[in-house]
């Protein structure tokens, strides 16, 4: 079996397990619920990534690619949302977070057009790999910026923290980075 098949399925299983673990440990915590939202994007991405890898019908593969990639673009905004709650700094970022969610909701219909992923091609050991459309680069740049910004916020707070809070931030930082 292909390495990418295995990692997609393992990523899916571990992410779903993480969601249930976090929610069952304290489903009343808003931070836990937002983390679950963040973690929810990962198994969707993994599942549809797996489906595109094993697919044999070009129309289905293109559909799976679009869902997989688009769900991946919700990962950094939900990560920023979680980060701000974890750092108790949500109010300062509230407008940015809500604006980014709104932007992504507006972009969903466009995510299923040729502006996002027009087609696929064969590259290296991938039989089907998405070709990026013009909107893909905007979302990719936003993905990079939001991820780096979230990690920067965590690192800054980690330097100022001590004890259990510092340990918690280190676990989140390294866990998400890995």
C-alpha atoms as a PDB file:
ATOM      1  CA  UNK A   1       0.000   0.000   0.000  1.00  0.00           C
ATOM      2  CA  UNK A   2       1.160   3.496  -0.840  1.00  0.00           C
ATOM      3  CA  UNK A   3       2.752   5.607   1.926  1.00  0.00           C
ATOM      4  CA  UNK A   4       0.316   8.457   1.219  1.00  0.00           C
ATOM      5  CA  UNK A   5      -2.705   6.148   1.572  1.00  0.00           C
ATOM      6  CA  UNK A   6      -1.495   5.003   4.970  1.00  0.00           C
ATOM      7  CA  UNK A   7      -0.667   8.483   6.267  1.00  0.00           C
ATOM      8  CA  UNK A   8      -4.024   9.846   5.078  1.00  0.00           C
ATOM      9  CA  UNK A   9      -5.934   7.128   6.917  1.00  0.00           C
ATOM     10  CA  UNK A  10      -3.764   7.400  10.063  1.00  0.00           C
ATOM     11  CA  UNK A  11      -4.200  11.172  10.031  1.00  0.00           C
ATOM     12  CA  UNK A  12      -7.960  10.733   9.695  1.00  0.00           C
ATOM     13  CA  UNK A  13      -8.168   8.221  12.561  1.00  0.00           C
ATOM     14  CA  UNK A  14      -5.904  10.141  14.926  1.00  0.00           C
ATOM     15  CA  UNK A  15      -7.716  13.423  14.240  1.00  0.00           C
ATOM     16  CA  UNK A  16     -11.152  11.931  14.877  1.00  0.00           C
ATOM     17  CA  UNK A  17      -9.834  10.324  18.066  1.00  0.00           C
ATOM     18  CA  UNK A  18      -8.398  13.693  19.156  1.00  0.00           C
ATOM     19  CA  UNK A  19     -11.730  15.445  18.569  1.00  0.00           C
ATOM     20  CA  UNK A  20     -13.600  12.936  20.732  1.00  0.00           C
ATOM     21  CA  UNK A  21     -10.910  12.961  23.410  1.00  0.00           C
ATOM     22  CA  UNK A  22     -10.916  16.749  23.693  1.00  0.00           C
ATOM     23  CA  UNK A  23     -14.698  17.061  23.662  1.00  0.00           C
ATOM     24  CA  UNK A  24     -15.279  14.242  26.141  1.00  0.00           C
ATOM     25  CA  UNK A  25     -12.622  15.552  28.506  1.00  0.00           C
ATOM     26  CA  UNK A  26     -14.438  18.892  28.828  1.00  0.00           C
ATOM     27  CA  UNK A  27     -17.140  19.678  26.273  1.00  0.00           C
ATOM     28  CA  UNK A  28     -18.211  22.761  28.251  1.00  0.00           C
ATOM     29  CA  UNK A  29     -14.902  24.513  27.593  1.00  0.00           C
ATOM     30  CA  UNK A  30     -15.160  26.967  24.704  1.00  0.00           C
ATOM     31  CA  UNK A  31     -11.450  26.500  24.020  1.00  0.00           C
ATOM     32  CA  UNK A  32     -11.968  22.728  23.715  1.00  0.00           C
ATOM     33  CA  UNK A  33     -14.911  23.190  21.352  1.00  0.00           C
ATOM     34  CA  UNK A  34     -12.903  25.559  19.152  1.00  0.00           C
ATOM     35  CA  UNK A  35      -9.988  23.121  19.186  1.00  0.00           C
ATOM     36  CA  UNK A  36     -12.434  20.421  18.059  1.00  0.00           C
ATOM     37  CA  UNK A  37     -13.495  22.698  15.181  1.00  0.00           C
ATOM     38  CA  UNK A  38      -9.840  23.134  14.231  1.00  0.00           C
ATOM     39  CA  UNK A  39      -9.242  19.393  14.521  1.00  0.00           C
ATOM     40  CA  UNK A  40     -12.428  18.669  12.499  1.00  0.00           C
ATOM     41  CA  UNK A  41     -10.902  20.278   9.400  1.00  0.00           C
ATOM     42  CA  UNK A  42      -8.011  17.802   9.462  1.00  0.00           C
ATOM     43  CA  UNK A  43      -9.940  14.511   9.089  1.00  0.00           C
ATOM     44  CA  UNK A  44     -12.072  16.016   6.302  1.00  0.00           C
ATOM     45  CA  UNK A  45      -8.886  16.992   4.507  1.00  0.00           C
ATOM     46  CA  UNK A  46      -7.361  13.549   5.154  1.00  0.00           C
ATOM     47  CA  UNK A  47     -10.426  11.579   4.084  1.00  0.00           C
ATOM     48  CA  UNK A  48     -10.868  13.394   0.793  1.00  0.00           C
ATOM     49  CA  UNK A  49      -7.123  13.319   0.188  1.00  0.00           C
ATOM     50  CA  UNK A  50      -7.291   9.536   0.540  1.00  0.00           C
ATOM     51  CA  UNK A  51     -10.311   9.344  -1.792  1.00  0.00           C
ATOM     52  CA  UNK A  52      -8.543  11.373  -4.475  1.00  0.00           C
ATOM     53  CA  UNK A  53      -5.458   9.167  -4.183  1.00  0.00           C
ATOM     54  CA  UNK A  54      -7.412   5.959  -4.708  1.00  0.00           C
ATOM     55  CA  UNK A  55      -9.887   7.426  -7.217  1.00  0.00           C
ATOM     56  CA  UNK A  56     -10.092   6.352 -10.830  1.00  0.00           C
ATOM     57  CA  UNK A  57     -12.795   8.646 -12.240  1.00  0.00           C
ATOM     58  CA  UNK A  58     -11.431  12.096 -13.167  1.00  0.00           C
ATOM     59  CA  UNK A  59     -14.648  13.934 -12.198  1.00  0.00           C
ATOM     60  CA  UNK A  60     -14.716  12.308  -8.763  1.00  0.00           C
ATOM     61  CA  UNK A  61     -11.005  12.912  -8.260  1.00  0.00           C
ATOM     62  CA  UNK A  62     -11.388  16.609  -9.072  1.00  0.00           C
ATOM     63  CA  UNK A  63     -14.316  16.864  -6.630  1.00  0.00           C
ATOM     64  CA  UNK A  64     -12.283  15.118  -3.887  1.00  0.00           C
ATOM     65  CA  UNK A  65      -9.290  17.377  -4.544  1.00  0.00           C
ATOM     66  CA  UNK A  66     -11.396  20.487  -4.221  1.00  0.00           C
ATOM     67  CA  UNK A  67     -13.013  19.397  -0.953  1.00  0.00           C
ATOM     68  CA  UNK A  68      -9.701  18.194   0.469  1.00  0.00           C
ATOM     69  CA  UNK A  69      -7.850  21.372  -0.366  1.00  0.00           C
ATOM     70  CA  UNK A  70     -10.652  23.689   0.606  1.00  0.00           C
ATOM     71  CA  UNK A  71     -11.121  22.028   3.982  1.00  0.00           C
ATOM     72  CA  UNK A  72      -7.377  22.431   4.504  1.00  0.00           C
ATOM     73  CA  UNK A  73      -7.789  26.181   4.073  1.00  0.00           C
ATOM     74  CA  UNK A  74     -10.088  26.275   7.113  1.00  0.00           C
ATOM     75  CA  UNK A  75      -7.289  24.802   9.240  1.00  0.00           C
ATOM     76  CA  UNK A  76      -5.273  28.012   9.806  1.00  0.00           C
ATOM     77  CA  UNK A  77      -8.259  30.235  10.601  1.00  0.00           C
ATOM     78  CA  UNK A  78      -9.666  27.695  13.050  1.00  0.00           C
ATOM     79  CA  UNK A  79      -6.144  27.311  14.479  1.00  0.00           C
ATOM     80  CA  UNK A  80      -5.900  31.089  14.954  1.00  0.00           C
ATOM     81  CA  UNK A  81      -9.352  31.051  16.557  1.00  0.00           C
ATOM     82  CA  UNK A  82      -8.269  28.291  18.944  1.00  0.00           C
ATOM     83  CA  UNK A  83      -4.936  30.008  19.639  1.00  0.00           C
ATOM     84  CA  UNK A  84      -6.617  33.277  20.580  1.00  0.00           C
ATOM     85  CA  UNK A  85      -8.954  31.500  23.011  1.00  0.00           C
ATOM     86  CA  UNK A  86      -6.097  29.480  24.481  1.00  0.00           C
ATOM     87  CA  UNK A  87      -4.066  32.654  24.995  1.00  0.00           C
ATOM     88  CA  UNK A  88      -7.124  34.495  26.336  1.00  0.00           C
ATOM     89  CA  UNK A  89      -6.646  37.081  23.594  1.00  0.00           C
ATOM     90  CA  UNK A  90      -9.783  36.513  21.505  1.00  0.00           C
ATOM     91  CA  UNK A  91     -11.281  39.992  21.941  1.00  0.00           C
ATOM     92  CA  UNK A  92      -8.240  41.629  20.328  1.00  0.00           C
ATOM     93  CA  UNK A  93      -8.508  39.332  17.272  1.00  0.00           C
ATOM     94  CA  UNK A  94     -12.290  38.984  17.101  1.00  0.00           C
ATOM     95  CA  UNK A  95     -12.779  41.157  13.998  1.00  0.00           C
ATOM     96  CA  UNK A  96      -9.930  39.461  12.125  1.00  0.00           C
ATOM     97  CA  UNK A  97     -11.217  35.980  12.964  1.00  0.00           C
ATOM     98  CA  UNK A  98     -14.818  36.737  12.026  1.00  0.00           C
ATOM     99  CA  UNK A  99     -13.672  38.429   8.803  1.00  0.00           C
ATOM    100  CA  UNK A 100     -11.602  35.411   7.824  1.00  0.00           C
ATOM    101  CA  UNK A 101     -14.465  32.990   8.487  1.00  0.00           C
ATOM    102  CA  UNK A 102     -16.748  35.207   6.411  1.00  0.00           C
ATOM    103  CA  UNK A 103     -14.158  35.371   3.627  1.00  0.00           C
ATOM    104  CA  UNK A 104     -13.917  31.566   3.577  1.00  0.00           C
ATOM    105  CA  UNK A 105     -17.679  31.127   3.565  1.00  0.00           C
ATOM    106  CA  UNK A 106     -17.857  33.507   0.601  1.00  0.00           C
ATOM    107  CA  UNK A 107     -15.103  31.538  -1.150  1.00  0.00           C
ATOM    108  CA  UNK A 108     -16.748  28.105  -0.764  1.00  0.00           C
ATOM    109  CA  UNK A 109     -18.787  28.280  -4.000  1.00  0.00           C
ATOM    110  CA  UNK A 110     -15.708  29.478  -5.876  1.00  0.00           C
ATOM    111  CA  UNK A 111     -13.765  26.563  -4.422  1.00  0.00           C
ATOM    112  CA  UNK A 112     -15.671  24.246  -6.753  1.00  0.00           C
ATOM    113  CA  UNK A 113     -14.721  26.094  -9.911  1.00  0.00           C
ATOM    114  CA  UNK A 114     -11.694  26.184 -12.190  1.00  0.00           C
ATOM    115  CA  UNK A 115     -10.539  29.290 -10.314  1.00  0.00           C
ATOM    116  CA  UNK A 116      -9.528  27.071  -7.420  1.00  0.00           C
ATOM    117  CA  UNK A 117      -8.466  23.758  -8.971  1.00  0.00           C
ATOM    118  CA  UNK A 118      -9.169  23.544 -12.714  1.00  0.00           C
ATOM    119  CA  UNK A 119      -7.751  20.060 -13.266  1.00  0.00           C
ATOM    120  CA  UNK A 120      -5.172  17.554 -12.161  1.00  0.00           C
ATOM    121  CA  UNK A 121      -1.956  16.263 -13.640  1.00  0.00           C
ATOM    122  CA  UNK A 122       0.564  13.528 -12.994  1.00  0.00           C
ATOM    123  CA  UNK A 123       3.636  14.577 -11.053  1.00  0.00           C
ATOM    124  CA  UNK A 124       6.402  12.503  -9.483  1.00  0.00           C
ATOM    125  CA  UNK A 125       4.658   9.519  -7.852  1.00  0.00           C
ATOM    126  CA  UNK A 126       1.166  11.064  -7.880  1.00  0.00           C
ATOM    127  CA  UNK A 127      -1.106   9.832 -10.634  1.00  0.00           C
ATOM    128  CA  UNK A 128      -3.387  12.821  -9.951  1.00  0.00           C
ATOM    129  CA  UNK A 129      -2.183  16.061  -8.411  1.00  0.00           C
ATOM    130  CA  UNK A 130      -4.194  19.312  -8.376  1.00  0.00           C
ATOM    131  CA  UNK A 131      -3.287  22.164 -10.677  1.00  0.00           C
ATOM    132  CA  UNK A 132      -3.655  25.463  -8.887  1.00  0.00           C
ATOM    133  CA  UNK A 133      -6.097  28.015 -10.263  1.00  0.00           C
ATOM    134  CA  UNK A 134      -5.879  31.776  -9.763  1.00  0.00           C
ATOM    135  CA  UNK A 135      -7.733  31.780  -6.393  1.00  0.00           C
ATOM    136  CA  UNK A 136      -5.636  28.968  -5.013  1.00  0.00           C
ATOM    137  CA  UNK A 137      -2.640  31.243  -4.516  1.00  0.00           C
ATOM    138  CA  UNK A 138      -4.668  33.789  -2.555  1.00  0.00           C
ATOM    139  CA  UNK A 139      -5.886  31.084  -0.197  1.00  0.00           C
ATOM    140  CA  UNK A 140      -2.428  29.522   0.016  1.00  0.00           C
ATOM    141  CA  UNK A 141      -0.867  32.878   0.957  1.00  0.00           C
ATOM    142  CA  UNK A 142      -3.565  33.377   3.597  1.00  0.00           C
ATOM    143  CA  UNK A 143      -2.893  29.835   4.857  1.00  0.00           C
ATOM    144  CA  UNK A 144       0.814  30.579   5.324  1.00  0.00           C
ATOM    145  CA  UNK A 145       0.215  33.993   6.933  1.00  0.00           C
ATOM    146  CA  UNK A 146      -2.411  32.775   9.431  1.00  0.00           C
ATOM    147  CA  UNK A 147      -0.357  29.734  10.407  1.00  0.00           C
ATOM    148  CA  UNK A 148       2.791  31.774  10.965  1.00  0.00           C
ATOM    149  CA  UNK A 149       0.829  34.437  12.852  1.00  0.00           C
ATOM    150  CA  UNK A 150      -0.728  31.821  15.159  1.00  0.00           C
ATOM    151  CA  UNK A 151       2.639  30.257  15.908  1.00  0.00           C
ATOM    152  CA  UNK A 152       4.114  33.709  16.543  1.00  0.00           C
ATOM    153  CA  UNK A 153       1.363  34.476  19.063  1.00  0.00           C
ATOM    154  CA  UNK A 154       2.026  31.180  20.855  1.00  0.00           C
ATOM    155  CA  UNK A 155       5.794  31.738  20.914  1.00  0.00           C
ATOM    156  CA  UNK A 156       5.421  35.262  22.316  1.00  0.00           C
ATOM    157  CA  UNK A 157       3.104  34.053  25.080  1.00  0.00           C
ATOM    158  CA  UNK A 158       5.353  31.060  25.759  1.00  0.00           C
ATOM    159  CA  UNK A 159       8.302  33.370  26.444  1.00  0.00           C
ATOM    160  CA  UNK A 160       6.230  35.304  28.983  1.00  0.00           C
ATOM    161  CA  UNK A 161       4.677  32.248  30.633  1.00  0.00           C
ATOM    162  CA  UNK A 162       5.909  29.972  33.376  1.00  0.00           C
ATOM    163  CA  UNK A 163       4.936  26.653  34.889  1.00  0.00           C
ATOM    164  CA  UNK A 164       1.887  24.762  33.672  1.00  0.00           C
ATOM    165  CA  UNK A 165       0.848  27.430  31.152  1.00  0.00           C
ATOM    166  CA  UNK A 166       4.273  27.380  29.508  1.00  0.00           C
ATOM    167  CA  UNK A 167       4.163  23.570  29.349  1.00  0.00           C
ATOM    168  CA  UNK A 168       0.673  23.683  27.838  1.00  0.00           C
ATOM    169  CA  UNK A 169       1.790  26.167  25.172  1.00  0.00           C
ATOM    170  CA  UNK A 170       4.870  24.073  24.363  1.00  0.00           C
ATOM    171  CA  UNK A 171       2.703  20.982  23.902  1.00  0.00           C
ATOM    172  CA  UNK A 172       0.301  22.855  21.622  1.00  0.00           C
ATOM    173  CA  UNK A 173       3.151  24.444  19.660  1.00  0.00           C
ATOM    174  CA  UNK A 174       5.065  21.215  19.035  1.00  0.00           C
ATOM    175  CA  UNK A 175       1.947  19.062  18.660  1.00  0.00           C
ATOM    176  CA  UNK A 176       0.467  21.248  15.936  1.00  0.00           C
ATOM    177  CA  UNK A 177       3.806  21.860  14.263  1.00  0.00           C
ATOM    178  CA  UNK A 178       4.455  18.114  13.995  1.00  0.00           C
END
